[in-house]
Amino acid sequence: MLTQHTSTKPEPLLSVEDEATLLGKARSPVYRAIKAGTFPLPVARTDHDQIAAVDLISIPETARRIGLHVDTLYRLCRTGRFPPAIQIGARWKVSIPRLERYLHGETTDS
């Protein structure tokens, strides 16, 4: 005779809160936002021209999307011949809205 086997989920050794405390993540703003149910965090915009971080992509990602070699795109950025690129410190990022306008032949504002 076969007995019916019911699979039960094993109890976790630590609760999520205990694990976060042990890992030092309990004080993280992201952890607190998830816990409070307000994740993803809202993006603060003080000016309508300010670009949110989600609107920026890397040069390698841009090169992949538009079919150029990464080195070529970096050279265009350094020489100022790729208007959608924005230099942030030593890094280059590309604004997605500006890239779309550039690819459609519209002029971009600096």
PDB file of N, CA and C in Angstrom:
ATOM      1  N   MET A   1       0.843  -1.169   0.000  1.00  0.00           N
ATOM      2  CA  MET A   1       0.000   0.000   0.000  1.00  0.00           C
ATOM      3  C   MET A   1       0.894   1.239   0.000  1.00  0.00           C
ATOM      4  N   LEU A   2       0.563   2.186  -0.844  1.00  0.00           N
ATOM      5  CA  LEU A   2       1.325   3.423  -0.948  1.00  0.00           C
ATOM      6  C   LEU A   2       0.761   4.457   0.013  1.00  0.00           C
ATOM      7  N   THR A   3       1.656   5.141   0.633  1.00  0.00           N
ATOM      8  CA  THR A   3       1.208   6.212   1.515  1.00  0.00           C
ATOM      9  C   THR A   3       1.367   7.533   0.786  1.00  0.00           C
ATOM     10  N   GLN A   4       0.480   8.410   1.021  1.00  0.00           N
ATOM     11  CA  GLN A   4       0.532   9.718   0.369  1.00  0.00           C
ATOM     12  C   GLN A   4       1.577  10.577   1.073  1.00  0.00           C
ATOM     13  N   HIS A   5       2.505  11.092   0.259  1.00  0.00           N
ATOM     14  CA  HIS A   5       3.565  11.929   0.817  1.00  0.00           C
ATOM     15  C   HIS A   5       3.213  13.395   0.562  1.00  0.00           C
ATOM     16  N   THR A   6       3.114  14.149   1.580  1.00  0.00           N
ATOM     17  CA  THR A   6       2.846  15.582   1.427  1.00  0.00           C
ATOM     18  C   THR A   6       4.156  16.326   1.612  1.00  0.00           C
ATOM     19  N   SER A   7       4.482  17.089   0.644  1.00  0.00           N
ATOM     20  CA  SER A   7       5.731  17.839   0.748  1.00  0.00           C
ATOM     21  C   SER A   7       5.471  19.130   1.509  1.00  0.00           C
ATOM     22  N   THR A   8       6.271  19.347   2.487  1.00  0.00           N
ATOM     23  CA  THR A   8       6.149  20.575   3.269  1.00  0.00           C
ATOM     24  C   THR A   8       7.401  21.393   3.069  1.00  0.00           C
ATOM     25  N   LYS A   9       7.210  22.642   2.997  1.00  0.00           N
ATOM     26  CA  LYS A   9       8.330  23.570   2.819  1.00  0.00           C
ATOM     27  C   LYS A   9       9.076  23.675   4.144  1.00  0.00           C
ATOM     28  N   PRO A  10      10.394  23.490   4.130  1.00  0.00           N
ATOM     29  CA  PRO A  10      11.132  23.594   5.388  1.00  0.00           C
ATOM     30  C   PRO A  10      11.095  25.014   5.933  1.00  0.00           C
ATOM     31  N   GLU A  11      11.069  25.118   7.206  1.00  0.00           N
ATOM     32  CA  GLU A  11      11.068  26.422   7.854  1.00  0.00           C
ATOM     33  C   GLU A  11      12.430  27.085   7.650  1.00  0.00           C
ATOM     34  N   PRO A  12      12.454  28.369   7.331  1.00  0.00           N
ATOM     35  CA  PRO A  12      13.743  29.042   7.193  1.00  0.00           C
ATOM     36  C   PRO A  12      14.430  29.150   8.547  1.00  0.00           C
ATOM     37  N   LEU A  13      15.745  29.128   8.493  1.00  0.00           N
ATOM     38  CA  LEU A  13      16.500  29.226   9.738  1.00  0.00           C
ATOM     39  C   LEU A  13      16.416  30.627  10.327  1.00  0.00           C
ATOM     40  N   LEU A  14      16.383  31.627   9.448  1.00  0.00           N
ATOM     41  CA  LEU A  14      16.293  33.011   9.894  1.00  0.00           C
ATOM     42  C   LEU A  14      15.144  33.695   9.179  1.00  0.00           C
ATOM     43  N   SER A  15      14.544  34.653   9.836  1.00  0.00           N
ATOM     44  CA  SER A  15      13.533  35.461   9.163  1.00  0.00           C
ATOM     45  C   SER A  15      14.248  36.452   8.247  1.00  0.00           C
ATOM     46  N   VAL A  16      13.502  37.054   7.349  1.00  0.00           N
ATOM     47  CA  VAL A  16      14.079  38.037   6.429  1.00  0.00           C
ATOM     48  C   VAL A  16      14.696  39.191   7.213  1.00  0.00           C
ATOM     49  N   GLU A  17      14.017  39.632   8.260  1.00  0.00           N
ATOM     50  CA  GLU A  17      14.521  40.744   9.060  1.00  0.00           C
ATOM     51  C   GLU A  17      15.821  40.368   9.767  1.00  0.00           C
ATOM     52  N   ASP A  18      15.862  39.150  10.340  1.00  0.00           N
ATOM     53  CA  ASP A  18      17.075  38.711  11.033  1.00  0.00           C
ATOM     54  C   ASP A  18      18.243  38.580  10.059  1.00  0.00           C
ATOM     55  N   GLU A  19      17.952  38.042   8.871  1.00  0.00           N
ATOM     56  CA  GLU A  19      19.014  37.886   7.875  1.00  0.00           C
ATOM     57  C   GLU A  19      19.536  39.253   7.431  1.00  0.00           C
ATOM     58  N   ALA A  20      18.635  40.205   7.206  1.00  0.00           N
ATOM     59  CA  ALA A  20      19.054  41.543   6.797  1.00  0.00           C
ATOM     60  C   ALA A  20      19.883  42.213   7.882  1.00  0.00           C
ATOM     61  N   THR A  21      19.496  42.016   9.129  1.00  0.00           N
ATOM     62  CA  THR A  21      20.252  42.598  10.238  1.00  0.00           C
ATOM     63  C   THR A  21      21.643  41.989  10.306  1.00  0.00           C
ATOM     64  N   LEU A  22      21.727  40.673  10.168  1.00  0.00           N
ATOM     65  CA  LEU A  22      23.028  40.015  10.210  1.00  0.00           C
ATOM     66  C   LEU A  22      23.927  40.453   9.058  1.00  0.00           C
ATOM     67  N   LEU A  23      23.326  40.681   7.895  1.00  0.00           N
ATOM     68  CA  LEU A  23      24.108  41.094   6.734  1.00  0.00           C
ATOM     69  C   LEU A  23      24.344  42.600   6.705  1.00  0.00           C
ATOM     70  N   GLY A  24      23.774  43.327   7.643  1.00  0.00           N
ATOM     71  CA  GLY A  24      23.966  44.772   7.698  1.00  0.00           C
ATOM     72  C   GLY A  24      23.132  45.539   6.700  1.00  0.00           C
ATOM     73  N   LYS A  25      22.105  44.897   6.149  1.00  0.00           N
ATOM     74  CA  LYS A  25      21.301  45.551   5.119  1.00  0.00           C
ATOM     75  C   LYS A  25      20.048  46.207   5.681  1.00  0.00           C
ATOM     76  N   ALA A  26      19.773  46.007   6.943  1.00  0.00           N
ATOM     77  CA  ALA A  26      18.537  46.533   7.518  1.00  0.00           C
ATOM     78  C   ALA A  26      18.488  48.054   7.488  1.00  0.00           C
ATOM     79  N   ARG A  27      19.634  48.690   7.465  1.00  0.00           N
ATOM     80  CA  ARG A  27      19.656  50.157   7.443  1.00  0.00           C
ATOM     81  C   ARG A  27      19.689  50.716   6.033  1.00  0.00           C
ATOM     82  N   SER A  28      19.759  49.861   5.032  1.00  0.00           N
ATOM     83  CA  SER A  28      19.831  50.320   3.648  1.00  0.00           C
ATOM     84  C   SER A  28      18.514  50.971   3.232  1.00  0.00           C
ATOM     85  N   PRO A  29      18.573  52.088   2.485  1.00  0.00           N
ATOM     86  CA  PRO A  29      17.344  52.743   2.046  1.00  0.00           C
ATOM     87  C   PRO A  29      16.494  51.844   1.146  1.00  0.00           C
ATOM     88  N   VAL A  30      17.138  51.005   0.346  1.00  0.00           N
ATOM     89  CA  VAL A  30      16.395  50.111  -0.531  1.00  0.00           C
ATOM     90  C   VAL A  30      15.645  49.075   0.300  1.00  0.00           C
ATOM     91  N   TYR A  31      16.314  48.497   1.289  1.00  0.00           N
ATOM     92  CA  TYR A  31      15.660  47.508   2.155  1.00  0.00           C
ATOM     93  C   TYR A  31      14.462  48.149   2.873  1.00  0.00           C
ATOM     94  N   ARG A  32      14.670  49.357   3.404  1.00  0.00           N
ATOM     95  CA  ARG A  32      13.577  50.021   4.107  1.00  0.00           C
ATOM     96  C   ARG A  32      12.411  50.314   3.163  1.00  0.00           C
ATOM     97  N   ALA A  33      12.727  50.690   1.918  1.00  0.00           N
ATOM     98  CA  ALA A  33      11.668  50.979   0.946  1.00  0.00           C
ATOM     99  C   ALA A  33      10.898  49.716   0.579  1.00  0.00           C
ATOM    100  N   ILE A  34      11.607  48.608   0.411  1.00  0.00           N
ATOM    101  CA  ILE A  34      10.937  47.342   0.113  1.00  0.00           C
ATOM    102  C   ILE A  34      10.040  46.950   1.279  1.00  0.00           C
ATOM    103  N   LYS A  35      10.570  47.056   2.483  1.00  0.00           N
ATOM    104  CA  LYS A  35       9.831  46.690   3.693  1.00  0.00           C
ATOM    105  C   LYS A  35       8.577  47.562   3.853  1.00  0.00           C
ATOM    106  N   ALA A  36       8.709  48.859   3.513  1.00  0.00           N
ATOM    107  CA  ALA A  36       7.580  49.780   3.652  1.00  0.00           C
ATOM    108  C   ALA A  36       6.611  49.699   2.474  1.00  0.00           C
ATOM    109  N   GLY A  37       6.989  48.960   1.436  1.00  0.00           N
ATOM    110  CA  GLY A  37       6.122  48.832   0.269  1.00  0.00           C
ATOM    111  C   GLY A  37       6.178  50.006  -0.667  1.00  0.00           C
ATOM    112  N   THR A  38       7.236  50.806  -0.592  1.00  0.00           N
ATOM    113  CA  THR A  38       7.357  51.978  -1.465  1.00  0.00           C
ATOM    114  C   THR A  38       8.464  51.814  -2.487  1.00  0.00           C
ATOM    115  N   PHE A  39       8.879  50.582  -2.768  1.00  0.00           N
ATOM    116  CA  PHE A  39       9.926  50.346  -3.761  1.00  0.00           C
ATOM    117  C   PHE A  39       9.262  50.134  -5.103  1.00  0.00           C
ATOM    118  N   PRO A  40       9.728  50.650  -6.211  1.00  0.00           N
ATOM    119  CA  PRO A  40      10.975  51.371  -6.385  1.00  0.00           C
ATOM    120  C   PRO A  40      10.899  52.786  -5.832  1.00  0.00           C
ATOM    121  N   LEU A  41      12.047  53.280  -5.443  1.00  0.00           N
ATOM    122  CA  LEU A  41      12.117  54.614  -4.867  1.00  0.00           C
ATOM    123  C   LEU A  41      11.739  55.649  -5.920  1.00  0.00           C
ATOM    124  N   PRO A  42      11.011  56.674  -5.536  1.00  0.00           N
ATOM    125  CA  PRO A  42      10.674  57.706  -6.507  1.00  0.00           C
ATOM    126  C   PRO A  42      11.913  58.488  -6.912  1.00  0.00           C
ATOM    127  N   VAL A  43      11.939  58.911  -8.168  1.00  0.00           N
ATOM    128  CA  VAL A  43      13.058  59.691  -8.673  1.00  0.00           C
ATOM    129  C   VAL A  43      12.741  61.161  -8.439  1.00  0.00           C
ATOM    130  N   ALA A  44      13.629  61.828  -7.731  1.00  0.00           N
ATOM    131  CA  ALA A  44      13.411  63.245  -7.444  1.00  0.00           C
ATOM    132  C   ALA A  44      13.787  64.074  -8.664  1.00  0.00           C
ATOM    133  N   ARG A  45      12.885  64.896  -9.106  1.00  0.00           N
ATOM    134  CA  ARG A  45      13.157  65.800 -10.221  1.00  0.00           C
ATOM    135  C   ARG A  45      12.851  67.210  -9.751  1.00  0.00           C
ATOM    136  N   THR A  46      13.873  68.039  -9.757  1.00  0.00           N
ATOM    137  CA  THR A  46      13.668  69.416  -9.341  1.00  0.00           C
ATOM    138  C   THR A  46      13.414  70.326 -10.529  1.00  0.00           C
ATOM    139  N   ASP A  47      13.775  69.868 -11.730  1.00  0.00           N
ATOM    140  CA  ASP A  47      13.634  70.678 -12.924  1.00  0.00           C
ATOM    141  C   ASP A  47      13.197  69.749 -14.044  1.00  0.00           C
ATOM    142  N   HIS A  48      12.343  70.194 -14.930  1.00  0.00           N
ATOM    143  CA  HIS A  48      11.869  69.312 -15.992  1.00  0.00           C
ATOM    144  C   HIS A  48      12.983  68.928 -16.954  1.00  0.00           C
ATOM    145  N   ASP A  49      14.081  69.679 -17.003  1.00  0.00           N
ATOM    146  CA  ASP A  49      15.201  69.335 -17.879  1.00  0.00           C
ATOM    147  C   ASP A  49      16.160  68.338 -17.236  1.00  0.00           C
ATOM    148  N   GLN A  50      16.002  68.100 -15.934  1.00  0.00           N
ATOM    149  CA  GLN A  50      16.894  67.174 -15.242  1.00  0.00           C
ATOM    150  C   GLN A  50      16.619  65.756 -15.730  1.00  0.00           C
ATOM    151  N   ILE A  51      17.686  65.007 -15.989  1.00  0.00           N
ATOM    152  CA  ILE A  51      17.536  63.662 -16.516  1.00  0.00           C
ATOM    153  C   ILE A  51      17.644  62.667 -15.376  1.00  0.00           C
ATOM    154  N   ALA A  52      16.680  61.777 -15.265  1.00  0.00           N
ATOM    155  CA  ALA A  52      16.716  60.747 -14.234  1.00  0.00           C
ATOM    156  C   ALA A  52      17.710  59.669 -14.629  1.00  0.00           C
ATOM    157  N   ALA A  53      18.254  58.986 -13.645  1.00  0.00           N
ATOM    158  CA  ALA A  53      19.246  57.949 -13.906  1.00  0.00           C
ATOM    159  C   ALA A  53      18.700  56.843 -14.799  1.00  0.00           C
ATOM    160  N   VAL A  54      17.403  56.596 -14.756  1.00  0.00           N
ATOM    161  CA  VAL A  54      16.830  55.547 -15.585  1.00  0.00           C
ATOM    162  C   VAL A  54      16.811  55.929 -17.059  1.00  0.00           C
ATOM    163  N   ASP A  55      16.988  57.196 -17.373  1.00  0.00           N
ATOM    164  CA  ASP A  55      17.005  57.652 -18.754  1.00  0.00           C
ATOM    165  C   ASP A  55      18.406  57.617 -19.350  1.00  0.00           C
ATOM    166  N   LEU A  56      19.387  57.120 -18.613  1.00  0.00           N
ATOM    167  CA  LEU A  56      20.767  57.099 -19.080  1.00  0.00           C
ATOM    168  C   LEU A  56      21.235  55.670 -19.297  1.00  0.00           C
ATOM    169  N   ILE A  57      21.963  55.456 -20.393  1.00  0.00           N
ATOM    170  CA  ILE A  57      22.544  54.145 -20.654  1.00  0.00           C
ATOM    171  C   ILE A  57      24.033  54.321 -20.922  1.00  0.00           C
ATOM    172  N   SER A  58      24.765  53.242 -20.819  1.00  0.00           N
ATOM    173  CA  SER A  58      26.212  53.286 -21.000  1.00  0.00           C
ATOM    174  C   SER A  58      26.571  53.378 -22.487  1.00  0.00           C
ATOM    175  N   ILE A  59      27.816  53.730 -22.744  1.00  0.00           N
ATOM    176  CA  ILE A  59      28.311  53.788 -24.122  1.00  0.00           C
ATOM    177  C   ILE A  59      28.301  52.395 -24.761  1.00  0.00           C
ATOM    178  N   PRO A  60      28.782  51.334 -24.062  1.00  0.00           N
ATOM    179  CA  PRO A  60      28.698  50.013 -24.696  1.00  0.00           C
ATOM    180  C   PRO A  60      27.270  49.593 -25.045  1.00  0.00           C
ATOM    181  N   GLU A  61      26.302  49.898 -24.175  1.00  0.00           N
ATOM    182  CA  GLU A  61      24.904  49.567 -24.464  1.00  0.00           C
ATOM    183  C   GLU A  61      24.404  50.377 -25.654  1.00  0.00           C
ATOM    184  N   THR A  62      24.784  51.651 -25.734  1.00  0.00           N
ATOM    185  CA  THR A  62      24.387  52.498 -26.868  1.00  0.00           C
ATOM    186  C   THR A  62      24.987  51.962 -28.156  1.00  0.00           C
ATOM    187  N   ALA A  63      26.288  51.603 -28.108  1.00  0.00           N
ATOM    188  CA  ALA A  63      26.960  51.075 -29.302  1.00  0.00           C
ATOM    189  C   ALA A  63      26.263  49.809 -29.789  1.00  0.00           C
ATOM    190  N   ARG A  64      25.861  48.952 -28.862  1.00  0.00           N
ATOM    191  CA  ARG A  64      25.157  47.727 -29.234  1.00  0.00           C
ATOM    192  C   ARG A  64      23.816  48.049 -29.896  1.00  0.00           C
ATOM    193  N   ARG A  65      23.112  49.043 -29.340  1.00  0.00           N
ATOM    194  CA  ARG A  65      21.794  49.385 -29.876  1.00  0.00           C
ATOM    195  C   ARG A  65      21.854  50.005 -31.261  1.00  0.00           C
ATOM    196  N   ILE A  66      22.890  50.819 -31.526  1.00  0.00           N
ATOM    197  CA  ILE A  66      22.919  51.520 -32.819  1.00  0.00           C
ATOM    198  C   ILE A  66      23.891  50.892 -33.813  1.00  0.00           C
ATOM    199  N   GLY A  67      24.597  49.828 -33.413  1.00  0.00           N
ATOM    200  CA  GLY A  67      25.436  49.093 -34.355  1.00  0.00           C
ATOM    201  C   GLY A  67      26.782  49.715 -34.642  1.00  0.00           C
ATOM    202  N   LEU A  68      27.344  50.438 -33.701  1.00  0.00           N
ATOM    203  CA  LEU A  68      28.690  50.987 -33.851  1.00  0.00           C
ATOM    204  C   LEU A  68      29.642  50.254 -32.916  1.00  0.00           C
ATOM    205  N   HIS A  69      30.935  50.318 -33.241  1.00  0.00           N
ATOM    206  CA  HIS A  69      31.930  49.758 -32.332  1.00  0.00           C
ATOM    207  C   HIS A  69      32.058  50.699 -31.133  1.00  0.00           C
ATOM    208  N   VAL A  70      32.310  50.129 -29.974  1.00  0.00           N
ATOM    209  CA  VAL A  70      32.397  50.908 -28.733  1.00  0.00           C
ATOM    210  C   VAL A  70      33.478  51.981 -28.843  1.00  0.00           C
ATOM    211  N   ASP A  71      34.648  51.634 -29.380  1.00  0.00           N
ATOM    212  CA  ASP A  71      35.740  52.607 -29.500  1.00  0.00           C
ATOM    213  C   ASP A  71      35.348  53.776 -30.403  1.00  0.00           C
ATOM    214  N   THR A  72      34.618  53.481 -31.471  1.00  0.00           N
ATOM    215  CA  THR A  72      34.162  54.546 -32.367  1.00  0.00           C
ATOM    216  C   THR A  72      33.230  55.498 -31.636  1.00  0.00           C
ATOM    217  N   LEU A  73      32.320  54.942 -30.851  1.00  0.00           N
ATOM    218  CA  LEU A  73      31.363  55.784 -30.132  1.00  0.00           C
ATOM    219  C   LEU A  73      32.061  56.623 -29.066  1.00  0.00           C
ATOM    220  N   TYR A  74      33.040  56.046 -28.354  1.00  0.00           N
ATOM    221  CA  TYR A  74      33.812  56.839 -27.383  1.00  0.00           C
ATOM    222  C   TYR A  74      34.548  57.983 -28.082  1.00  0.00           C
ATOM    223  N   ARG A  75      35.119  57.712 -29.253  1.00  0.00           N
ATOM    224  CA  ARG A  75      35.832  58.757 -29.992  1.00  0.00           C
ATOM    225  C   ARG A  75      34.874  59.875 -30.395  1.00  0.00           C
ATOM    226  N   LEU A  76      33.669  59.508 -30.857  1.00  0.00           N
ATOM    227  CA  LEU A  76      32.676  60.521 -31.215  1.00  0.00           C
ATOM    228  C   LEU A  76      32.271  61.357 -29.998  1.00  0.00           C
ATOM    229  N   CYS A  77      32.190  60.725 -28.845  1.00  0.00           N
ATOM    230  CA  CYS A  77      31.844  61.447 -27.612  1.00  0.00           C
ATOM    231  C   CYS A  77      32.942  62.445 -27.248  1.00  0.00           C
ATOM    232  N   ARG A  78      34.188  61.979 -27.275  1.00  0.00           N
ATOM    233  CA  ARG A  78      35.317  62.853 -26.896  1.00  0.00           C
ATOM    234  C   ARG A  78      35.470  64.045 -27.827  1.00  0.00           C
ATOM    235  N   THR A  79      35.167  63.838 -29.115  1.00  0.00           N
ATOM    236  CA  THR A  79      35.325  64.930 -30.072  1.00  0.00           C
ATOM    237  C   THR A  79      34.085  65.808 -30.187  1.00  0.00           C
ATOM    238  N   GLY A  80      33.031  65.465 -29.437  1.00  0.00           N
ATOM    239  CA  GLY A  80      31.820  66.287 -29.440  1.00  0.00           C
ATOM    240  C   GLY A  80      30.923  66.070 -30.632  1.00  0.00           C
ATOM    241  N   ARG A  81      31.084  64.969 -31.345  1.00  0.00           N
ATOM    242  CA  ARG A  81      30.278  64.720 -32.540  1.00  0.00           C
ATOM    243  C   ARG A  81      29.125  63.751 -32.296  1.00  0.00           C
ATOM    244  N   PHE A  82      28.834  63.478 -31.021  1.00  0.00           N
ATOM    245  CA  PHE A  82      27.696  62.626 -30.677  1.00  0.00           C
ATOM    246  C   PHE A  82      26.887  63.343 -29.596  1.00  0.00           C
ATOM    247  N   PRO A  83      25.966  64.229 -29.992  1.00  0.00           N
ATOM    248  CA  PRO A  83      25.235  65.076 -29.049  1.00  0.00           C
ATOM    249  C   PRO A  83      24.457  64.360 -27.940  1.00  0.00           C
ATOM    250  N   PRO A  84      23.929  63.148 -28.134  1.00  0.00           N
ATOM    251  CA  PRO A  84      23.187  62.529 -27.026  1.00  0.00           C
ATOM    252  C   PRO A  84      24.055  62.140 -25.831  1.00  0.00           C
ATOM    253  N   ALA A  85      25.384  62.133 -26.021  1.00  0.00           N
ATOM    254  CA  ALA A  85      26.274  61.726 -24.930  1.00  0.00           C
ATOM    255  C   ALA A  85      26.438  62.838 -23.908  1.00  0.00           C
ATOM    256  N   ILE A  86      26.484  62.432 -22.646  1.00  0.00           N
ATOM    257  CA  ILE A  86      26.659  63.364 -21.532  1.00  0.00           C
ATOM    258  C   ILE A  86      27.833  62.863 -20.709  1.00  0.00           C
ATOM    259  N   GLN A  87      28.789  63.756 -20.430  1.00  0.00           N
ATOM    260  CA  GLN A  87      29.919  63.345 -19.601  1.00  0.00           C
ATOM    261  C   GLN A  87      29.591  63.639 -18.146  1.00  0.00           C
ATOM    262  N   ILE A  88      29.682  62.593 -17.325  1.00  0.00           N
ATOM    263  CA  ILE A  88      29.433  62.718 -15.890  1.00  0.00           C
ATOM    264  C   ILE A  88      30.721  62.309 -15.210  1.00  0.00           C
ATOM    265  N   GLY A  89      31.473  63.298 -14.748  1.00  0.00           N
ATOM    266  CA  GLY A  89      32.803  63.010 -14.208  1.00  0.00           C
ATOM    267  C   GLY A  89      33.676  62.508 -15.332  1.00  0.00           C
ATOM    268  N   ALA A  90      34.270  61.340 -15.150  1.00  0.00           N
ATOM    269  CA  ALA A  90      35.115  60.756 -16.188  1.00  0.00           C
ATOM    270  C   ALA A  90      34.328  59.786 -17.072  1.00  0.00           C
ATOM    271  N   ARG A  91      33.068  59.565 -16.767  1.00  0.00           N
ATOM    272  CA  ARG A  91      32.271  58.581 -17.500  1.00  0.00           C
ATOM    273  C   ARG A  91      31.345  59.259 -18.511  1.00  0.00           C
ATOM    274  N   TRP A  92      31.006  58.513 -19.532  1.00  0.00           N
ATOM    275  CA  TRP A  92      30.060  58.973 -20.531  1.00  0.00           C
ATOM    276  C   TRP A  92      28.772  58.175 -20.393  1.00  0.00           C
ATOM    277  N   LYS A  93      27.656  58.857 -20.456  1.00  0.00           N
ATOM    278  CA  LYS A  93      26.340  58.227 -20.463  1.00  0.00           C
ATOM    279  C   LYS A  93      25.562  58.817 -21.631  1.00  0.00           C
ATOM    280  N   VAL A  94      24.539  58.103 -22.067  1.00  0.00           N
ATOM    281  CA  VAL A  94      23.728  58.568 -23.188  1.00  0.00           C
ATOM    282  C   VAL A  94      22.283  58.676 -22.724  1.00  0.00           C
ATOM    283  N   SER A  95      21.705  59.827 -22.985  1.00  0.00           N
ATOM    284  CA  SER A  95      20.310  60.071 -22.660  1.00  0.00           C
ATOM    285  C   SER A  95      19.443  59.377 -23.710  1.00  0.00           C
ATOM    286  N   ILE A  96      18.561  58.507 -23.256  1.00  0.00           N
ATOM    287  CA  ILE A  96      17.706  57.774 -24.191  1.00  0.00           C
ATOM    288  C   ILE A  96      16.799  58.710 -24.993  1.00  0.00           C
ATOM    289  N   PRO A  97      16.133  59.696 -24.359  1.00  0.00           N
ATOM    290  CA  PRO A  97      15.308  60.609 -25.169  1.00  0.00           C
ATOM    291  C   PRO A  97      16.121  61.399 -26.193  1.00  0.00           C
ATOM    292  N   ARG A  98      17.315  61.864 -25.802  1.00  0.00           N
ATOM    293  CA  ARG A  98      18.158  62.601 -26.743  1.00  0.00           C
ATOM    294  C   ARG A  98      18.657  61.690 -27.860  1.00  0.00           C
ATOM    295  N   LEU A  99      18.958  60.417 -27.534  1.00  0.00           N
ATOM    296  CA  LEU A  99      19.390  59.464 -28.550  1.00  0.00           C
ATOM    297  C   LEU A  99      18.276  59.225 -29.562  1.00  0.00           C
ATOM    298  N   GLU A 100      17.046  59.073 -29.092  1.00  0.00           N
ATOM    299  CA  GLU A 100      15.921  58.859 -30.005  1.00  0.00           C
ATOM    300  C   GLU A 100      15.721  60.054 -30.925  1.00  0.00           C
ATOM    301  N   ARG A 101      15.815  61.268 -30.360  1.00  0.00           N
ATOM    302  CA  ARG A 101      15.683  62.468 -31.198  1.00  0.00           C
ATOM    303  C   ARG A 101      16.812  62.538 -32.212  1.00  0.00           C
ATOM    304  N   TYR A 102      18.033  62.210 -31.790  1.00  0.00           N
ATOM    305  CA  TYR A 102      19.205  62.236 -32.675  1.00  0.00           C
ATOM    306  C   TYR A 102      19.040  61.230 -33.820  1.00  0.00           C
ATOM    307  N   LEU A 103      18.578  60.023 -33.508  1.00  0.00           N
ATOM    308  CA  LEU A 103      18.425  58.996 -34.534  1.00  0.00           C
ATOM    309  C   LEU A 103      17.301  59.329 -35.522  1.00  0.00           C
ATOM    310  N   HIS A 104      16.317  60.118 -35.077  1.00  0.00           N
ATOM    311  CA  HIS A 104      15.235  60.532 -35.956  1.00  0.00           C
ATOM    312  C   HIS A 104      15.531  61.840 -36.674  1.00  0.00           C
ATOM    313  N   GLY A 105      16.755  62.340 -36.516  1.00  0.00           N
ATOM    314  CA  GLY A 105      17.183  63.527 -37.238  1.00  0.00           C
ATOM    315  C   GLY A 105      16.778  64.846 -36.635  1.00  0.00           C
ATOM    316  N   GLU A 106      16.204  64.826 -35.451  1.00  0.00           N
ATOM    317  CA  GLU A 106      15.828  66.069 -34.792  1.00  0.00           C
ATOM    318  C   GLU A 106      17.038  66.677 -34.125  1.00  0.00           C
ATOM    319  N   THR A 107      17.065  67.989 -33.986  1.00  0.00           N
ATOM    320  CA  THR A 107      18.178  68.640 -33.291  1.00  0.00           C
ATOM    321  C   THR A 107      18.041  68.399 -31.805  1.00  0.00           C
ATOM    322  N   THR A 108      19.189  68.284 -31.125  1.00  0.00           N
ATOM    323  CA  THR A 108      19.178  68.053 -29.667  1.00  0.00           C
ATOM    324  C   THR A 108      19.660  69.295 -28.974  1.00  0.00           C
ATOM    325  N   ASP A 109      19.040  69.569 -27.835  1.00  0.00           N
ATOM    326  CA  ASP A 109      19.470  70.699 -27.016  1.00  0.00           C
ATOM    327  C   ASP A 109      20.595  70.233 -26.117  1.00  0.00           C
ATOM    328  N   SER A 110      21.568  71.104 -25.879  1.00  0.00           N
ATOM    329  CA  SER A 110      22.664  70.730 -24.988  1.00  0.00           C
ATOM    330  C   SER A 110      22.370  71.077 -23.570  1.00  0.00           C
TER     331      SER A 110
END
